[in-house]
Amino acid sequence: MTGKRSAGLLLFRHSDRGLEVLLGHMGGPFFARRDAGAWTVPKGEYEPDETAWDAARREFQEELGLPPPDGEAIGLGEVTQTNRKIVTVWAIEADLDPQAIVPGTFRMEWPPRSGQTQEFPELDRVEWFALDRARAVIVTAQAAFLDRLAEHSG
């Protein structure tokens, strides 16, 4: 395997605003003041001994603090992000209350070279977006998943 791989679940629902997707805003100081390009499918890295599907479900639980929903999984394929990470995503129709999220956390040295370690949420907020708005804020390469979901949903 060359490079890192991530897998995730993209929840979608139909509302009076049309097709909506659930995205998470990346936590930590690098994304705190960013909107465009700072939203992502809930996902995470995995090693070769784990399947992408198992990783997607595990990462959903870790990042959102909730079990992944049951339902038909629609394979949305892979994309390669600018950092060369390969991301695999499935879409599942489900309605989730963003207020129910209990995000996982990570630790990093902050401020840089300070010797101090701080804890940050993996995703600092989660929201439902109509597809047009989602395309404006999602990590650029991941917009392909939105297009594939829209094609599948007709």
Protein backbone atom coordinates (compact mmCIF):
# COMPACT_ATOMS: atom_id res chain seq x y z
CA MET A 1 0.00 0.00 0.00
CA THR A 2 1.38 3.39 -0.93
CA GLY A 3 0.28 6.37 1.10
CA LYS A 4 -2.38 6.75 3.73
CA ARG A 5 -5.96 5.59 3.37
CA SER A 6 -9.11 6.81 5.10
CA ALA A 7 -12.69 5.58 5.06
CA GLY A 8 -15.92 7.21 6.11
CA LEU A 9 -19.70 7.34 6.11
CA LEU A 10 -21.65 10.18 4.52
CA LEU A 11 -25.15 10.42 5.99
CA PHE A 12 -27.86 11.88 3.81
CA ARG A 13 -31.52 12.71 4.18
CA HIS A 14 -34.34 14.17 2.11
CA SER A 15 -35.92 17.33 3.51
CA ASP A 16 -37.98 20.22 2.24
CA ARG A 17 -34.61 21.77 1.24
CA GLY A 18 -33.94 18.74 -0.97
CA LEU A 19 -31.08 16.30 -0.53
CA GLU A 20 -28.92 17.11 2.51
CA VAL A 21 -25.66 15.64 3.78
CA LEU A 22 -24.11 15.58 7.24
CA LEU A 23 -20.60 17.06 7.35
CA GLY A 24 -18.20 17.71 10.19
CA HIS A 25 -16.02 20.79 10.68
CA MET A 26 -12.44 19.72 11.37
CA GLY A 27 -11.39 20.53 14.91
CA GLY A 28 -8.16 22.03 16.15
CA PRO A 29 -6.46 25.35 15.70
CA PHE A 30 -5.63 25.03 11.98
CA PHE A 31 -9.30 25.04 10.95
CA ALA A 32 -10.82 27.17 13.73
CA ARG A 33 -11.39 30.24 11.52
CA ARG A 34 -11.88 28.47 8.20
CA ASP A 35 -15.12 27.50 6.53
CA ALA A 36 -14.42 26.63 2.89
CA GLY A 37 -12.37 23.47 2.72
CA ALA A 38 -12.66 22.80 6.46
CA TRP A 39 -15.71 20.50 6.35
CA THR A 40 -15.38 16.77 5.76
CA VAL A 41 -17.14 13.44 5.63
CA PRO A 42 -16.68 11.82 9.08
CA LYS A 43 -13.76 9.52 8.32
CA GLY A 44 -10.40 8.32 9.50
CA GLU A 45 -7.28 6.41 8.65
CA TYR A 46 -6.92 2.66 8.71
CA GLU A 47 -4.21 0.06 8.33
CA PRO A 48 -3.98 -2.75 5.73
CA ASP A 49 -5.24 -5.36 8.22
CA GLU A 50 -8.65 -3.60 8.49
CA THR A 51 -11.24 -3.36 5.72
CA ALA A 52 -12.30 0.08 4.53
CA TRP A 53 -15.92 -0.73 5.50
CA ASP A 54 -14.96 -1.71 9.05
CA ALA A 55 -12.79 1.41 9.34
CA ALA A 56 -15.61 3.67 8.09
CA ARG A 57 -17.96 2.34 10.78
CA ARG A 58 -15.30 2.49 13.51
CA GLU A 59 -14.30 6.04 12.59
CA PHE A 60 -17.92 7.21 12.55
CA GLN A 61 -18.24 5.98 16.15
CA GLU A 62 -14.91 7.54 17.17
CA GLU A 63 -15.47 10.91 15.53
CA LEU A 64 -19.15 11.42 16.38
CA GLY A 65 -19.49 9.37 19.56
CA LEU A 66 -22.54 7.58 18.16
CA PRO A 67 -22.94 4.15 16.60
CA PRO A 68 -23.07 4.17 12.81
CA PRO A 69 -26.63 3.91 11.51
CA ASP A 70 -27.99 0.77 9.94
CA GLY A 71 -29.30 0.95 6.43
CA GLU A 72 -28.34 0.31 2.87
CA ALA A 73 -24.76 1.42 2.24
CA ILE A 74 -24.24 3.06 -1.14
CA GLY A 75 -20.64 2.82 -2.29
CA LEU A 76 -19.41 6.23 -3.47
CA GLY A 77 -15.95 4.99 -4.41
CA GLU A 78 -12.61 6.64 -3.77
CA VAL A 79 -10.97 10.02 -4.25
CA THR A 80 -7.37 11.10 -3.84
CA GLN A 81 -6.97 14.30 -1.85
CA THR A 82 -4.22 16.86 -2.47
CA ASN A 83 -2.22 15.33 0.40
CA ARG A 84 -2.28 12.05 -1.63
CA LYS A 85 -4.49 10.35 0.96
CA ILE A 86 -6.99 7.97 -0.65
CA VAL A 87 -10.47 8.31 0.86
CA THR A 88 -13.23 5.68 0.43
CA VAL A 89 -16.82 6.61 1.36
CA TRP A 90 -20.23 4.99 1.66
CA ALA A 91 -23.49 6.92 1.92
CA ILE A 92 -26.30 5.84 4.25
CA GLU A 93 -29.72 7.45 4.50
CA ALA A 94 -30.32 8.39 8.12
CA ASP A 95 -31.45 11.34 10.18
CA LEU A 96 -29.12 12.27 12.99
CA ASP A 97 -29.43 15.17 15.42
CA PRO A 98 -26.14 17.14 15.34
CA GLN A 99 -26.74 18.10 18.99
CA ALA A 100 -26.32 14.41 19.94
CA ILE A 101 -22.70 14.34 18.78
CA VAL A 102 -20.00 13.65 21.39
CA PRO A 103 -16.81 14.13 19.35
CA GLY A 104 -13.65 12.16 19.84
CA THR A 105 -10.51 14.16 20.64
CA PHE A 106 -6.85 14.32 19.69
CA ARG A 107 -3.83 15.84 21.39
CA MET A 108 -1.18 18.02 19.79
CA GLU A 109 1.50 20.47 20.78
CA TRP A 110 -0.08 23.91 20.75
CA PRO A 111 1.08 26.59 20.31
CA PRO A 112 3.84 25.23 18.06
CA ARG A 113 7.22 24.69 19.76
CA SER A 114 5.71 25.62 23.12
CA GLY A 115 6.15 22.24 24.76
CA GLN A 116 2.50 22.39 25.80
CA THR A 117 0.04 19.73 24.69
CA GLN A 118 -3.63 20.56 24.25
CA GLU A 119 -6.66 18.42 23.48
CA PHE A 120 -9.00 19.29 20.60
CA PRO A 121 -12.18 17.70 19.21
CA GLU A 122 -11.78 15.68 16.00
CA LEU A 123 -14.85 17.53 14.67
CA ASP A 124 -15.80 20.71 16.50
CA ARG A 125 -19.29 20.86 14.98
CA VAL A 126 -21.52 18.83 12.70
CA GLU A 127 -24.25 20.20 10.44
CA TRP A 128 -26.70 19.23 7.72
CA PHE A 129 -26.04 20.96 4.40
CA ALA A 130 -27.96 21.21 1.15
CA LEU A 131 -25.72 19.94 -1.66
CA ASP A 132 -24.87 23.37 -3.11
CA ARG A 133 -23.73 24.69 0.26
CA ALA A 134 -21.90 21.43 1.02
CA ARG A 135 -19.93 21.76 -2.23
CA ALA A 136 -18.81 25.25 -1.15
CA VAL A 137 -17.36 24.10 2.20
CA ILE A 138 -16.24 20.46 1.82
CA VAL A 139 -12.61 19.44 1.26
CA THR A 140 -12.24 19.96 -2.51
CA ALA A 141 -11.58 16.34 -3.52
CA GLN A 142 -14.50 15.11 -1.42
CA ALA A 143 -16.99 17.10 -3.52
CA ALA A 144 -16.89 14.13 -5.91
CA PHE A 145 -18.77 12.12 -3.26
CA LEU A 146 -21.56 14.71 -3.30
CA ASP A 147 -21.82 14.47 -7.09
CA ARG A 148 -21.91 10.67 -6.96
CA LEU A 149 -24.60 10.72 -4.28
CA ALA A 150 -26.68 13.19 -6.32
CA GLU A 151 -26.39 10.91 -9.38
CA HIS A 152 -27.46 7.91 -7.34
CA SER A 153 -30.41 9.78 -5.79
CA GLY A 154 -31.62 10.99 -9.17
